[in-house]
Amino acid sequence: MSTILPFPNPLKDTLRTMAQDRGWPQVLAILQHGGDEELVLQSLADAQMIINAARVEMLSAGLKYPYWDEDMPNHNAAHEDAFQDVQMGFFEKVVMYVGETFPVITTV
């Protein structure tokens, strides 16, 4: 049985672009289901796959912007802004939409 979740197009588009660029066929297959503003998941495994894609992006941001933490001696405000865009603007939103319905692992 499938579950239809409300899911903003900008998040879906970001996930689709990531999956295309990184060669993630299973994520692309999941994102093909459903219409605008929704995500159709067939199982917990599908939900976890979407979360895992968001987790990879979060880990990547930590590597790309290592000086984001204001408590670090090399703190860089530009790194902080860019990292927060991924953390709060993408990762946490994906987790919010999917995690409300599915018991997914979200730790990075």
Foldseek 3Di string as FASTA:
>chain_A
DKDKFFAAPVQLVVQCVLCVVVVPVLLNVQSVDDDHRIGIDDDLVNLQVSLVSLVVVLVVLCVVLVQLDPPDPPHDVVSVVSNCCSVVVHNVRSCVGSVVPHVYDNDD
